[in-house]
Amino acid sequence: MSVGDQPLRRRSNDILSSDVHKHIQGFIGFFGAEALSKAQSDLDKTLLHHGRCYHMWMQQVHPWLFALRLYSKIIQGHVRAWPKEIQLLAGDAFMILSLANKMPEPVREKYRKDLLTMQHSDFIFEIHAAWHYYLQGYDVVWYPLSHVKSTEFRIRGGGIDFDVECRRFSLDAGHRIKMGAMADVCDMMDSVLQQYKYWGEITVVFTEDIRFKTTQARQWKQAFQHAVTSGETQLQLNDGPLLTLKLESSPSSSYATEELPRIVTDSEATWILSRVDSSLCFDPVVFRCQGVRKNLVELQEYIYKTLRSKIRTQLSGSRAGVLYVRFTGIKDPKIFKESERVQEVKDKLFSHDHLAAMVFLCDEDSEIDGGAVVHSFPSILYRNRRTSHQAVARANHVGKHVN
């Protein structure tokens, strides 16, 4: 019996509390203490020159580094219960170490480097996709590195055999707005709001290729200070973003920490900041960051051309292929179902016979479920009814990614 014909046997995903330390030590061993120490040092240097928004962004970019700092503090004392951040780290460690066993050494080395870079989200997305199939009992075959373009990995088992290609788009797809520059602009405004004791909401519409230069920042800060103190509701910063201000003077109502996200009424809030007094928060500031987006026709064409290129150059026509597409900044997959343009993109892409299915995924939501860490990606699955690989199209390509 070939590997592809072997029946599926679901793999265990349980993590005992007593095994958390073991998994994290294995994680440290996989990346190397020296590499992690350098990454921590680089992070410290970066945080030294930035504010609260930038700090929050870096927590999203490098969640493991922050979790390792907490872990180092915890193990110095008596551990009664592992906090969520440490459980998530242990879960990721278990996932990565399990998958790395079958990786060629050059691929392992690539992930050791890539997962500690600013592009962490792109590469952990590939790991999560592979983990979904691994837990079902499939054999995950990682392609060796070469000059020839190929998919990330191949899935075999249960009588089917197919390639998987992953692609991530941001909400402002196709635009070159640097998140670091966005955070720095918001930190500049936050420093003014704290100084003059204002709170509320600011919508920030960024132009393309924005840079946050020191000399320019001084001018922007002075203009923003004047707008705040004079009660202006809109401000166009010179060669910078357009600001819409809805501010009130301190004090605000008091909020418990868990209440802060509830004051946001839509998905455009990039950061929520607040002052803290003991267990209460007050004077919240919501920054709603946007880019000057392509219109719907331009966005549709950009996504279609990018995915079409992936299908033609990455997915080999010699076997079935499945495309995983993640859209960061989108939380509800209903937007895919209701968009006629998304349906048009899907129909055109499915003209490629070897593309058996596509999965469109939203932002990740992690939670603790018993002894497991659950990575949930709200998603929608499209199966190609015209493909000659119907067995692959019917396979389970969506679900909770559990470790």
Foldseek 3Di string as FASTA:
>chain_A
DDQQAAAFDFDDQFDDQVCLVVLVVLVCVLLDVVNLVVLLVVVVVVVVPADDLLVVVVCVQAVPNVLVVVVVVQVVDDDPDDDPSSLVNSSVSVLLVVVCVQDDPVVSVVCSPCCSDSVVVQVVVVSLLQLVLVRRRWDWHADDDDPAAAAGTWTGYNNAIFGEHEAEAEPQGPAADDVSQVSRLVRLLVVLCVVQAKADEKEKEWEGPDDDDPVLSVQQSVQSNVCVVVVHQWDDRDNTIIMGDDMDHDWFDKDAPVCQVVVDDDLQFSDWDFDDDPRITTRIYTYRYHYPHDPPVVVLVVVLVVVLCCCVRHTDPVAAYEYEYEYESDQAQVVCVPDPSNVVSVVVSLVSQRHFKYKYWYDWDWDDDVRKIKTATHIDMDGRPRHPRPVVSPDDSHDIRMD
